[in-house]
Amino acid sequence: MELLTTAEIAKMLRVSEAWVWKHAARKARPYLPCIPLLGSRKTTYRFVKEDVEVWIKKLQDDFIAEQEHQAKLKEKALNARLGIR
């Protein structure tokens, strides 16, 4: 199991560290899978590389499914307008 830091995840996802913090802290969706390390001053996060890769794949799959669903709805609406069943 490979653990990555916030900086490494930011580089991997090509986003800012602030974005990673926000999504790891559950302050914005999509929530980033992480392991919170509670400290005396602040929480830090570590990320299991494989979990983040699975998370990315799920986001991609969900996006594709939504696009296909929207295309079917548009096709159905167009067919209804044209009187095609």
C-alpha atoms as a PDB file:
ATOM      1  CA  MET A   1       0.000   0.000   0.000  1.00  0.00           C
ATOM      2  CA  GLU A   2       1.516   3.269  -1.130  1.00  0.00           C
ATOM      3  CA  LEU A   3       0.606   6.338   0.919  1.00  0.00           C
ATOM      4  CA  LEU A   4       0.811   9.739  -0.754  1.00  0.00           C
ATOM      5  CA  THR A   5       0.888  13.240   0.692  1.00  0.00           C
ATOM      6  CA  THR A   6      -1.392  16.124  -0.174  1.00  0.00           C
ATOM      7  CA  ALA A   7       1.300  17.586  -2.423  1.00  0.00           C
ATOM      8  CA  GLU A   8       1.751  14.276  -4.267  1.00  0.00           C
ATOM      9  CA  ILE A   9      -1.988  13.887  -4.818  1.00  0.00           C
ATOM     10  CA  ALA A  10      -2.233  17.476  -6.064  1.00  0.00           C
ATOM     11  CA  LYS A  11       0.517  16.765  -8.581  1.00  0.00           C
ATOM     12  CA  MET A  12      -1.081  13.453  -9.598  1.00  0.00           C
ATOM     13  CA  LEU A  13      -4.496  15.071 -10.171  1.00  0.00           C
ATOM     14  CA  ARG A  14      -3.025  18.315 -11.563  1.00  0.00           C
ATOM     15  CA  VAL A  15      -4.923  20.449  -9.073  1.00  0.00           C
ATOM     16  CA  SER A  16      -3.857  22.761  -6.271  1.00  0.00           C
ATOM     17  CA  GLU A  17      -3.098  21.538  -2.768  1.00  0.00           C
ATOM     18  CA  ALA A  18      -5.970  23.743  -1.588  1.00  0.00           C
ATOM     19  CA  TRP A  19      -8.328  21.751  -3.842  1.00  0.00           C
ATOM     20  CA  VAL A  20      -7.046  18.494  -2.348  1.00  0.00           C
ATOM     21  CA  TRP A  21      -7.484  19.798   1.222  1.00  0.00           C
ATOM     22  CA  LYS A  22     -11.004  21.005   0.497  1.00  0.00           C
ATOM     23  CA  HIS A  23     -12.142  17.692  -1.007  1.00  0.00           C
ATOM     24  CA  ALA A  24     -10.333  15.551   1.573  1.00  0.00           C
ATOM     25  CA  ALA A  25     -11.892  17.551   4.427  1.00  0.00           C
ATOM     26  CA  ARG A  26     -15.352  16.899   2.949  1.00  0.00           C
ATOM     27  CA  LYS A  27     -15.944  20.604   2.331  1.00  0.00           C
ATOM     28  CA  ALA A  28     -16.595  20.064  -1.387  1.00  0.00           C
ATOM     29  CA  ARG A  29     -17.725  17.230  -3.607  1.00  0.00           C
ATOM     30  CA  PRO A  30     -16.531  14.893  -4.918  1.00  0.00           C
ATOM     31  CA  TYR A  31     -15.083  13.698  -1.633  1.00  0.00           C
ATOM     32  CA  LEU A  32     -11.530  12.480  -1.985  1.00  0.00           C
ATOM     33  CA  PRO A  33     -10.777   9.153  -0.266  1.00  0.00           C
ATOM     34  CA  CYS A  34      -8.184   9.755   2.434  1.00  0.00           C
ATOM     35  CA  ILE A  35      -6.841   8.806   5.824  1.00  0.00           C
ATOM     36  CA  PRO A  36      -7.058  11.698   8.300  1.00  0.00           C
ATOM     37  CA  LEU A  37      -4.130  11.882  10.706  1.00  0.00           C
ATOM     38  CA  LEU A  38      -5.276  13.827  13.724  1.00  0.00           C
ATOM     39  CA  GLY A  39      -2.591  15.974  15.247  1.00  0.00           C
ATOM     40  CA  SER A  40      -2.461  18.429  18.095  1.00  0.00           C
ATOM     41  CA  ARG A  41      -2.612  21.465  15.801  1.00  0.00           C
ATOM     42  CA  LYS A  42      -4.363  20.365  12.637  1.00  0.00           C
ATOM     43  CA  THR A  43      -5.477  17.355  10.670  1.00  0.00           C
ATOM     44  CA  THR A  44      -3.197  16.136   7.924  1.00  0.00           C
ATOM     45  CA  TYR A  45      -4.158  13.640   5.265  1.00  0.00           C
ATOM     46  CA  ARG A  46      -2.578  10.673   3.577  1.00  0.00           C
ATOM     47  CA  PHE A  47      -3.960   9.020   0.494  1.00  0.00           C
ATOM     48  CA  VAL A  48      -3.771   5.393  -0.594  1.00  0.00           C
ATOM     49  CA  LYS A  49      -2.722   5.608  -4.232  1.00  0.00           C
ATOM     50  CA  GLU A  50      -4.844   2.618  -5.278  1.00  0.00           C
ATOM     51  CA  ASP A  51      -7.944   4.093  -3.583  1.00  0.00           C
ATOM     52  CA  VAL A  52      -7.492   7.367  -5.444  1.00  0.00           C
ATOM     53  CA  GLU A  53      -7.066   5.512  -8.746  1.00  0.00           C
ATOM     54  CA  VAL A  54     -10.312   3.573  -8.108  1.00  0.00           C
ATOM     55  CA  TRP A  55     -12.016   6.867  -7.190  1.00  0.00           C
ATOM     56  CA  ILE A  56     -10.890   8.430 -10.485  1.00  0.00           C
ATOM     57  CA  LYS A  57     -12.146   5.404 -12.454  1.00  0.00           C
ATOM     58  CA  LYS A  58     -15.542   5.600 -10.715  1.00  0.00           C
ATOM     59  CA  LEU A  59     -15.833   9.311 -11.517  1.00  0.00           C
ATOM     60  CA  GLN A  60     -15.035   8.554 -15.161  1.00  0.00           C
ATOM     61  CA  ASP A  61     -17.559   5.700 -15.303  1.00  0.00           C
ATOM     62  CA  ASP A  62     -20.261   7.827 -13.660  1.00  0.00           C
ATOM     63  CA  PHE A  63     -19.576  10.676 -16.095  1.00  0.00           C
ATOM     64  CA  ILE A  64     -19.829   8.376 -19.113  1.00  0.00           C
ATOM     65  CA  ALA A  65     -23.046   6.798 -17.806  1.00  0.00           C
ATOM     66  CA  GLU A  66     -24.577  10.255 -17.271  1.00  0.00           C
ATOM     67  CA  GLN A  67     -23.576  11.358 -20.778  1.00  0.00           C
ATOM     68  CA  GLU A  68     -25.168   8.223 -22.273  1.00  0.00           C
ATOM     69  CA  HIS A  69     -28.321   8.786 -20.236  1.00  0.00           C
ATOM     70  CA  GLN A  70     -28.571  12.423 -21.392  1.00  0.00           C
ATOM     71  CA  ALA A  71     -28.070  11.353 -25.028  1.00  0.00           C
ATOM     72  CA  LYS A  72     -30.925   8.827 -24.726  1.00  0.00           C
ATOM     73  CA  LEU A  73     -33.201  11.472 -23.211  1.00  0.00           C
ATOM     74  CA  LYS A  74     -32.400  13.906 -26.041  1.00  0.00           C
ATOM     75  CA  GLU A  75     -33.021  11.197 -28.636  1.00  0.00           C
ATOM     76  CA  LYS A  76     -36.342  10.294 -27.000  1.00  0.00           C
ATOM     77  CA  ALA A  77     -37.424  13.944 -26.914  1.00  0.00           C
ATOM     78  CA  LEU A  78     -36.468  14.444 -30.567  1.00  0.00           C
ATOM     79  CA  ASN A  79     -38.329  11.312 -31.607  1.00  0.00           C
ATOM     80  CA  ALA A  80     -41.408  12.494 -29.684  1.00  0.00           C
ATOM     81  CA  ARG A  81     -41.283  15.836 -31.513  1.00  0.00           C
ATOM     82  CA  LEU A  82     -41.006  14.049 -34.849  1.00  0.00           C
ATOM     83  CA  GLY A  83     -43.730  11.539 -33.961  1.00  0.00           C
ATOM     84  CA  ILE A  84     -41.358   8.587 -34.087  1.00  0.00           C
ATOM     85  CA  ARG A  85     -41.781   5.783 -31.571  1.00  0.00           C
END
